[in-house]
Amino acid sequence: ESGHPNADGTFELTCDERAEGNHPARENACARLD
């Protein structure tokens, strides 16, 4: 219900030596979590 079709859905995010998964902003998301 975000109002943005590309933002809605289920996304996987793995943060390790590098960001992985189908999250649309995985690099920035992992940096924020760090």
ModelCIF file with pLDDT and N, C-alpha, C, O atoms, coordinates in Angstrom:
data_MODEL
#
_entry.id   MODEL 
#
_entity.id                         1 
_entity.type                       polymer 
_entity.pdbx_number_of_molecules   1 
#
_entity_poly.entity_id                      1 
_entity_poly.type                           'polypeptide(L)' 
_entity_poly.nstd_linkage                   no 
_entity_poly.nstd_monomer                   no 
_entity_poly.pdbx_seq_one_letter_code       ESGHPNADGTFELTCDERAEGNHPARENACARLD 
_entity_poly.pdbx_seq_one_letter_code_can   ESGHPNADGTFELTCDERAEGNHPARENACARLD 
_entity_poly.pdbx_strand_id                 A 
#
loop_
_entity_poly_seq.entity_id 
_entity_poly_seq.num 
_entity_poly_seq.mon_id 
_entity_poly_seq.hetero 
1 1  GLU n 
1 2  SER n 
1 3  GLY n 
1 4  HIS n 
1 5  PRO n 
1 6  ASN n 
1 7  ALA n 
1 8  ASP n 
1 9  GLY n 
1 10 THR n 
1 11 PHE n 
1 12 GLU n 
1 13 LEU n 
1 14 THR n 
1 15 CYS n 
1 16 ASP n 
1 17 GLU n 
1 18 ARG n 
1 19 ALA n 
1 20 GLU n 
1 21 GLY n 
1 22 ASN n 
1 23 HIS n 
1 24 PRO n 
1 25 ALA n 
1 26 ARG n 
1 27 GLU n 
1 28 ASN n 
1 29 ALA n 
1 30 CYS n 
1 31 ALA n 
1 32 ARG n 
1 33 LEU n 
1 34 ASP n 
#
_struct_asym.id          A 
_struct_asym.entity_id   1 
#
loop_
_ma_qa_metric.id 
_ma_qa_metric.mode 
_ma_qa_metric.name 
_ma_qa_metric.software_group_id 
_ma_qa_metric.type 
1 global pLDDT . pLDDT 
2 local  pLDDT . pLDDT 
#
_ma_qa_metric_global.metric_id      1 
_ma_qa_metric_global.metric_value   95.03 
_ma_qa_metric_global.model_id       1 
_ma_qa_metric_global.ordinal_id     1 
#
loop_
_ma_qa_metric_local.label_asym_id 
_ma_qa_metric_local.label_comp_id 
_ma_qa_metric_local.label_seq_id 
_ma_qa_metric_local.metric_id 
_ma_qa_metric_local.metric_value 
_ma_qa_metric_local.model_id 
_ma_qa_metric_local.ordinal_id 
A GLU 1  2 95.00 1 1  
A SER 2  2 93.00 1 2  
A GLY 3  2 90.00 1 3  
A HIS 4  2 88.00 1 4  
A PRO 5  2 86.00 1 5  
A ASN 6  2 87.00 1 6  
A ALA 7  2 92.00 1 7  
A ASP 8  2 96.00 1 8  
A GLY 9  2 97.00 1 9  
A THR 10 2 98.00 1 10 
A PHE 11 2 98.00 1 11 
A GLU 12 2 98.00 1 12 
A LEU 13 2 98.00 1 13 
A THR 14 2 98.00 1 14 
A CYS 15 2 96.00 1 15 
A ASP 16 2 92.00 1 16 
A GLU 17 2 89.00 1 17 
A ARG 18 2 92.00 1 18 
A ALA 19 2 96.00 1 19 
A GLU 20 2 97.00 1 20 
A GLY 21 2 97.00 1 21 
A ASN 22 2 97.00 1 22 
A HIS 23 2 97.00 1 23 
A PRO 24 2 95.00 1 24 
A ALA 25 2 96.00 1 25 
A ARG 26 2 97.00 1 26 
A GLU 27 2 97.00 1 27 
A ASN 28 2 98.00 1 28 
A ALA 29 2 98.00 1 29 
A CYS 30 2 97.00 1 30 
A ALA 31 2 97.00 1 31 
A ARG 32 2 97.00 1 32 
A LEU 33 2 97.00 1 33 
A ASP 34 2 95.00 1 34 
#
loop_
_atom_site.group_PDB 
_atom_site.id 
_atom_site.type_symbol 
_atom_site.label_atom_id 
_atom_site.label_alt_id 
_atom_site.label_comp_id 
_atom_site.label_asym_id 
_atom_site.label_entity_id 
_atom_site.label_seq_id 
_atom_site.pdbx_PDB_ins_code 
_atom_site.Cartn_x 
_atom_site.Cartn_y 
_atom_site.Cartn_z 
_atom_site.occupancy 
_atom_site.B_iso_or_equiv 
_atom_site.pdbx_formal_charge 
_atom_site.auth_seq_id 
_atom_site.auth_comp_id 
_atom_site.auth_asym_id 
_atom_site.auth_atom_id 
_atom_site.pdbx_PDB_model_num 
ATOM 1   N N  . GLU A 1 1  ? 0.798  -1.225  0.000  1.00 95.00 ? 1  GLU A N  1 
ATOM 2   C CA . GLU A 1 1  ? 0.000  0.000   0.000  1.00 95.00 ? 1  GLU A CA 1 
ATOM 3   C C  . GLU A 1 1  ? 0.832  1.277   0.000  1.00 95.00 ? 1  GLU A C  1 
ATOM 4   O O  . GLU A 1 1  ? 0.417  2.296   0.552  1.00 95.00 ? 1  GLU A O  1 
ATOM 5   N N  . SER A 1 2  ? 2.007  1.216   -0.622 1.00 93.00 ? 2  SER A N  1 
ATOM 6   C CA . SER A 1 2  ? 2.880  2.394   -0.648 1.00 93.00 ? 2  SER A CA 1 
ATOM 7   C C  . SER A 1 2  ? 2.422  3.436   -1.661 1.00 93.00 ? 2  SER A C  1 
ATOM 8   O O  . SER A 1 2  ? 2.794  4.606   -1.567 1.00 93.00 ? 2  SER A O  1 
ATOM 9   N N  . GLY A 1 3  ? 1.619  3.014   -2.623 1.00 90.00 ? 3  GLY A N  1 
ATOM 10  C CA . GLY A 1 3  ? 1.215  3.916   -3.692 1.00 90.00 ? 3  GLY A CA 1 
ATOM 11  C C  . GLY A 1 3  ? 2.218  3.933   -4.839 1.00 90.00 ? 3  GLY A C  1 
ATOM 12  O O  . GLY A 1 3  ? 2.027  4.643   -5.826 1.00 90.00 ? 3  GLY A O  1 
ATOM 13  N N  . HIS A 1 4  ? 3.277  3.157   -4.706 1.00 88.00 ? 4  HIS A N  1 
ATOM 14  C CA . HIS A 1 4  ? 4.310  3.059   -5.732 1.00 88.00 ? 4  HIS A CA 1 
ATOM 15  C C  . HIS A 1 4  ? 4.486  1.594   -6.099 1.00 88.00 ? 4  HIS A C  1 
ATOM 16  O O  . HIS A 1 4  ? 5.043  0.831   -5.310 1.00 88.00 ? 4  HIS A O  1 
ATOM 17  N N  . PRO A 1 5  ? 4.025  1.179   -7.280 1.00 86.00 ? 5  PRO A N  1 
ATOM 18  C CA . PRO A 1 5  ? 4.056  -0.244  -7.648 1.00 86.00 ? 5  PRO A CA 1 
ATOM 19  C C  . PRO A 1 5  ? 5.441  -0.878  -7.531 1.00 86.00 ? 5  PRO A C  1 
ATOM 20  O O  . PRO A 1 5  ? 5.540  -2.054  -7.182 1.00 86.00 ? 5  PRO A O  1 
ATOM 21  N N  . ASN A 1 6  ? 6.500  -0.141  -7.809 1.00 87.00 ? 6  ASN A N  1 
ATOM 22  C CA . ASN A 1 6  ? 7.841  -0.713  -7.719 1.00 87.00 ? 6  ASN A CA 1 
ATOM 23  C C  . ASN A 1 6  ? 8.313  -0.884  -6.283 1.00 87.00 ? 6  ASN A C  1 
ATOM 24  O O  . ASN A 1 6  ? 9.246  -1.645  -6.024 1.00 87.00 ? 6  ASN A O  1 
ATOM 25  N N  . ALA A 1 7  ? 7.681  -0.186  -5.348 1.00 92.00 ? 7  ALA A N  1 
ATOM 26  C CA . ALA A 1 7  ? 8.070  -0.279  -3.944 1.00 92.00 ? 7  ALA A CA 1 
ATOM 27  C C  . ALA A 1 7  ? 7.334  -1.397  -3.220 1.00 92.00 ? 7  ALA A C  1 
ATOM 28  O O  . ALA A 1 7  ? 7.828  -1.910  -2.216 1.00 92.00 ? 7  ALA A O  1 
ATOM 29  N N  . ASP A 1 8  ? 6.156  -1.782  -3.713 1.00 96.00 ? 8  ASP A N  1 
ATOM 30  C CA . ASP A 1 8  ? 5.380  -2.844  -3.082 1.00 96.00 ? 8  ASP A CA 1 
ATOM 31  C C  . ASP A 1 8  ? 5.919  -4.207  -3.485 1.00 96.00 ? 8  ASP A C  1 
ATOM 32  O O  . ASP A 1 8  ? 6.327  -4.418  -4.627 1.00 96.00 ? 8  ASP A O  1 
ATOM 33  N N  . GLY A 1 9  ? 5.913  -5.124  -2.533 1.00 97.00 ? 9  GLY A N  1 
ATOM 34  C CA . GLY A 1 9  ? 6.360  -6.481  -2.813 1.00 97.00 ? 9  GLY A CA 1 
ATOM 35  C C  . GLY A 1 9  ? 7.197  -7.014  -1.670 1.00 97.00 ? 9  GLY A C  1 
ATOM 36  O O  . GLY A 1 9  ? 7.330  -6.389  -0.618 1.00 97.00 ? 9  GLY A O  1 
ATOM 37  N N  . THR A 1 10 ? 7.755  -8.184  -1.907 1.00 98.00 ? 10 THR A N  1 
ATOM 38  C CA . THR A 1 10 ? 8.624  -8.827  -0.929 1.00 98.00 ? 10 THR A CA 1 
ATOM 39  C C  . THR A 1 10 ? 10.027 -8.875  -1.506 1.00 98.00 ? 10 THR A C  1 
ATOM 40  O O  . THR A 1 10 ? 10.239 -9.344  -2.624 1.00 98.00 ? 10 THR A O  1 
ATOM 41  N N  . PHE A 1 11 ? 10.981 -8.383  -0.727 1.00 98.00 ? 11 PHE A N  1 
ATOM 42  C CA . PHE A 1 11 ? 12.358 -8.254  -1.186 1.00 98.00 ? 11 PHE A CA 1 
ATOM 43  C C  . PHE A 1 11 ? 13.306 -8.910  -0.190 1.00 98.00 ? 11 PHE A C  1 
ATOM 44  O O  . PHE A 1 11 ? 13.137 -8.793  1.024  1.00 98.00 ? 11 PHE A O  1 
ATOM 45  N N  . GLU A 1 12 ? 14.289 -9.590  -0.721 1.00 98.00 ? 12 GLU A N  1 
ATOM 46  C CA . GLU A 1 12 ? 15.318 -10.219 0.094  1.00 98.00 ? 12 GLU A CA 1 
ATOM 47  C C  . GLU A 1 12 ? 16.537 -9.302  0.130  1.00 98.00 ? 12 GLU A C  1 
ATOM 48  O O  . GLU A 1 12 ? 16.900 -8.694  -0.877 1.00 98.00 ? 12 GLU A O  1 
ATOM 49  N N  . LEU A 1 13 ? 17.160 -9.211  1.295  1.00 98.00 ? 13 LEU A N  1 
ATOM 50  C CA . LEU A 1 13 ? 18.335 -8.367  1.469  1.00 98.00 ? 13 LEU A CA 1 
ATOM 51  C C  . LEU A 1 13 ? 19.336 -9.106  2.345  1.00 98.00 ? 13 LEU A C  1 
ATOM 52  O O  . LEU A 1 13 ? 19.026 -9.485  3.475  1.00 98.00 ? 13 LEU A O  1 
ATOM 53  N N  . THR A 1 14 ? 20.541 -9.309  1.816  1.00 98.00 ? 14 THR A N  1 
ATOM 54  C CA . THR A 1 14 ? 21.622 -9.919  2.578  1.00 98.00 ? 14 THR A CA 1 
ATOM 55  C C  . THR A 1 14 ? 22.798 -8.957  2.572  1.00 98.00 ? 14 THR A C  1 
ATOM 56  O O  . THR A 1 14 ? 23.268 -8.540  1.513  1.00 98.00 ? 14 THR A O  1 
ATOM 57  N N  . CYS A 1 15 ? 23.265 -8.611  3.756  1.00 96.00 ? 15 CYS A N  1 
ATOM 58  C CA . CYS A 1 15 ? 24.396 -7.698  3.900  1.00 96.00 ? 15 CYS A CA 1 
ATOM 59  C C  . CYS A 1 15 ? 25.555 -8.470  4.506  1.00 96.00 ? 15 CYS A C  1 
ATOM 60  O O  . CYS A 1 15 ? 25.500 -8.894  5.660  1.00 96.00 ? 15 CYS A O  1 
ATOM 61  N N  . ASP A 1 16 ? 26.587 -8.644  3.728  1.00 92.00 ? 16 ASP A N  1 
ATOM 62  C CA . ASP A 1 16 ? 27.798 -9.326  4.165  1.00 92.00 ? 16 ASP A CA 1 
ATOM 63  C C  . ASP A 1 16 ? 28.964 -8.568  3.562  1.00 92.00 ? 16 ASP A C  1 
ATOM 64  O O  . ASP A 1 16 ? 28.983 -7.339  3.630  1.00 92.00 ? 16 ASP A O  1 
ATOM 65  N N  . GLU A 1 17 ? 29.929 -9.245  2.979  1.00 89.00 ? 17 GLU A N  1 
ATOM 66  C CA . GLU A 1 17 ? 31.009 -8.522  2.318  1.00 89.00 ? 17 GLU A CA 1 
ATOM 67  C C  . GLU A 1 17 ? 30.463 -7.628  1.199  1.00 89.00 ? 17 GLU A C  1 
ATOM 68  O O  . GLU A 1 17 ? 31.009 -6.567  0.897  1.00 89.00 ? 17 GLU A O  1 
ATOM 69  N N  . ARG A 1 18 ? 29.387 -8.089  0.608  1.00 92.00 ? 18 ARG A N  1 
ATOM 70  C CA . ARG A 1 18 ? 28.699 -7.274  -0.401 1.00 92.00 ? 18 ARG A CA 1 
ATOM 71  C C  . ARG A 1 18 ? 27.198 -7.459  -0.228 1.00 92.00 ? 18 ARG A C  1 
ATOM 72  O O  . ARG A 1 18 ? 26.737 -8.433  0.367  1.00 92.00 ? 18 ARG A O  1 
ATOM 73  N N  . ALA A 1 19 ? 26.457 -6.509  -0.757 1.00 96.00 ? 19 ALA A N  1 
ATOM 74  C CA . ALA A 1 19 ? 24.998 -6.560  -0.648 1.00 96.00 ? 19 ALA A CA 1 
ATOM 75  C C  . ALA A 1 19 ? 24.449 -7.513  -1.704 1.00 96.00 ? 19 ALA A C  1 
ATOM 76  O O  . ALA A 1 19 ? 24.870 -7.482  -2.860 1.00 96.00 ? 19 ALA A O  1 
ATOM 77  N N  . GLU A 1 20 ? 23.511 -8.356  -1.299 1.00 97.00 ? 20 GLU A N  1 
ATOM 78  C CA . GLU A 1 20 ? 22.910 -9.315  -2.215 1.00 97.00 ? 20 GLU A CA 1 
ATOM 79  C C  . GLU A 1 20 ? 21.405 -9.334  -2.016 1.00 97.00 ? 20 GLU A C  1 
ATOM 80  O O  . GLU A 1 20 ? 20.882 -8.800  -1.038 1.00 97.00 ? 20 GLU A O  1 
ATOM 81  N N  . GLY A 1 21 ? 20.721 -9.957  -2.961 1.00 97.00 ? 21 GLY A N  1 
ATOM 82  C CA . GLY A 1 21 ? 19.269 -10.105 -2.897 1.00 97.00 ? 21 GLY A CA 1 
ATOM 83  C C  . GLY A 1 21 ? 18.596 -9.281  -3.964 1.00 97.00 ? 21 GLY A C  1 
ATOM 84  O O  . GLY A 1 21 ? 19.253 -8.623  -4.770 1.00 97.00 ? 21 GLY A O  1 
ATOM 85  N N  . ASN A 1 22 ? 17.277 -9.320  -3.963 1.00 97.00 ? 22 ASN A N  1 
ATOM 86  C CA . ASN A 1 22 ? 16.514 -8.592  -4.975 1.00 97.00 ? 22 ASN A CA 1 
ATOM 87  C C  . ASN A 1 22 ? 15.977 -7.256  -4.461 1.00 97.00 ? 22 ASN A C  1 
ATOM 88  O O  . ASN A 1 22 ? 15.132 -6.640  -5.112 1.00 97.00 ? 22 ASN A O  1 
ATOM 89  N N  . HIS A 1 23 ? 16.454 -6.806  -3.312 1.00 97.00 ? 23 HIS A N  1 
ATOM 90  C CA . HIS A 1 23 ? 16.039 -5.504  -2.784 1.00 97.00 ? 23 HIS A CA 1 
ATOM 91  C C  . HIS A 1 23 ? 16.481 -4.426  -3.770 1.00 97.00 ? 23 HIS A C  1 
ATOM 92  O O  . HIS A 1 23 ? 17.639 -4.423  -4.190 1.00 97.00 ? 23 HIS A O  1 
ATOM 93  N N  . PRO A 1 24 ? 15.581 -3.507  -4.151 1.00 95.00 ? 24 PRO A N  1 
ATOM 94  C CA . PRO A 1 24 ? 15.917 -2.527  -5.185 1.00 95.00 ? 24 PRO A CA 1 
ATOM 95  C C  . PRO A 1 24 ? 17.015 -1.530  -4.808 1.00 95.00 ? 24 PRO A C  1 
ATOM 96  O O  . PRO A 1 24 ? 17.608 -0.913  -5.693 1.00 95.00 ? 24 PRO A O  1 
ATOM 97  N N  . ALA A 1 25 ? 17.292 -1.363  -3.533 1.00 96.00 ? 25 ALA A N  1 
ATOM 98  C CA . ALA A 1 25 ? 18.337 -0.421  -3.104 1.00 96.00 ? 25 ALA A CA 1 
ATOM 99  C C  . ALA A 1 25 ? 19.307 -1.138  -2.166 1.00 96.00 ? 25 ALA A C  1 
ATOM 100 O O  . ALA A 1 25 ? 19.696 -0.592  -1.133 1.00 96.00 ? 25 ALA A O  1 
ATOM 101 N N  . ARG A 1 26 ? 19.693 -2.356  -2.527 1.00 97.00 ? 26 ARG A N  1 
ATOM 102 C CA . ARG A 1 26 ? 20.450 -3.204  -1.593 1.00 97.00 ? 26 ARG A CA 1 
ATOM 103 C C  . ARG A 1 26 ? 21.757 -2.590  -1.106 1.00 97.00 ? 26 ARG A C  1 
ATOM 104 O O  . ARG A 1 26 ? 22.069 -2.698  0.080  1.00 97.00 ? 26 ARG A O  1 
ATOM 105 N N  . GLU A 1 27 ? 22.531 -1.949  -1.976 1.00 97.00 ? 27 GLU A N  1 
ATOM 106 C CA . GLU A 1 27 ? 23.806 -1.346  -1.546 1.00 97.00 ? 27 GLU A CA 1 
ATOM 107 C C  . GLU A 1 27 ? 23.561 -0.251  -0.498 1.00 97.00 ? 27 GLU A C  1 
ATOM 108 O O  . GLU A 1 27 ? 24.188 -0.247  0.562  1.00 97.00 ? 27 GLU A O  1 
ATOM 109 N N  . ASN A 1 28 ? 22.660 0.658   -0.799 1.00 98.00 ? 28 ASN A N  1 
ATOM 110 C CA . ASN A 1 28 ? 22.354 1.753   0.129  1.00 98.00 ? 28 ASN A CA 1 
ATOM 111 C C  . ASN A 1 28 ? 21.663 1.253   1.396  1.00 98.00 ? 28 ASN A C  1 
ATOM 112 O O  . ASN A 1 28 ? 21.884 1.788   2.482  1.00 98.00 ? 28 ASN A O  1 
ATOM 113 N N  . ALA A 1 29 ? 20.827 0.225   1.252  1.00 98.00 ? 29 ALA A N  1 
ATOM 114 C CA . ALA A 1 29 ? 20.146 -0.338  2.423  1.00 98.00 ? 29 ALA A CA 1 
ATOM 115 C C  . ALA A 1 29 ? 21.162 -0.959  3.377  1.00 98.00 ? 29 ALA A C  1 
ATOM 116 O O  . ALA A 1 29 ? 21.070 -0.759  4.589  1.00 98.00 ? 29 ALA A O  1 
ATOM 117 N N  . CYS A 1 30 ? 22.121 -1.703  2.851  1.00 97.00 ? 30 CYS A N  1 
ATOM 118 C CA . CYS A 1 30 ? 23.149 -2.304  3.702  1.00 97.00 ? 30 CYS A CA 1 
ATOM 119 C C  . CYS A 1 30 ? 24.025 -1.226  4.338  1.00 97.00 ? 30 CYS A C  1 
ATOM 120 O O  . CYS A 1 30 ? 24.420 -1.348  5.497  1.00 97.00 ? 30 CYS A O  1 
ATOM 121 N N  . ALA A 1 31 ? 24.325 -0.175  3.581  1.00 97.00 ? 31 ALA A N  1 
ATOM 122 C CA . ALA A 1 31 ? 25.115 0.932   4.138  1.00 97.00 ? 31 ALA A CA 1 
ATOM 123 C C  . ALA A 1 31 ? 24.361 1.588   5.293  1.00 97.00 ? 31 ALA A C  1 
ATOM 124 O O  . ALA A 1 31 ? 24.968 1.937   6.305  1.00 97.00 ? 31 ALA A O  1 
ATOM 125 N N  . ARG A 1 32 ? 23.057 1.757   5.154  1.00 97.00 ? 32 ARG A N  1 
ATOM 126 C CA . ARG A 1 32 ? 22.256 2.361   6.229  1.00 97.00 ? 32 ARG A CA 1 
ATOM 127 C C  . ARG A 1 32 ? 22.240 1.449   7.457  1.00 97.00 ? 32 ARG A C  1 
ATOM 128 O O  . ARG A 1 32 ? 22.368 1.927   8.584  1.00 97.00 ? 32 ARG A O  1 
ATOM 129 N N  . LEU A 1 33 ? 22.087 0.154   7.247  1.00 97.00 ? 33 LEU A N  1 
ATOM 130 C CA . LEU A 1 33 ? 22.100 -0.777  8.368  1.00 97.00 ? 33 LEU A CA 1 
ATOM 131 C C  . LEU A 1 33 ? 23.452 -0.761  9.076  1.00 97.00 ? 33 LEU A C  1 
ATOM 132 O O  . LEU A 1 33 ? 23.510 -0.873  10.300 1.00 97.00 ? 33 LEU A O  1 
ATOM 133 N N  . ASP A 1 34 ? 24.541 -0.622  8.316  1.00 95.00 ? 34 ASP A N  1 
ATOM 134 C CA . ASP A 1 34 ? 25.873 -0.496  8.916  1.00 95.00 ? 34 ASP A CA 1 
ATOM 135 C C  . ASP A 1 34 ? 25.960 0.763   9.781  1.00 95.00 ? 34 ASP A C  1 
ATOM 136 O O  . ASP A 1 34 ? 27.007 1.038   10.368 1.00 95.00 ? 34 ASP A O  1 
#
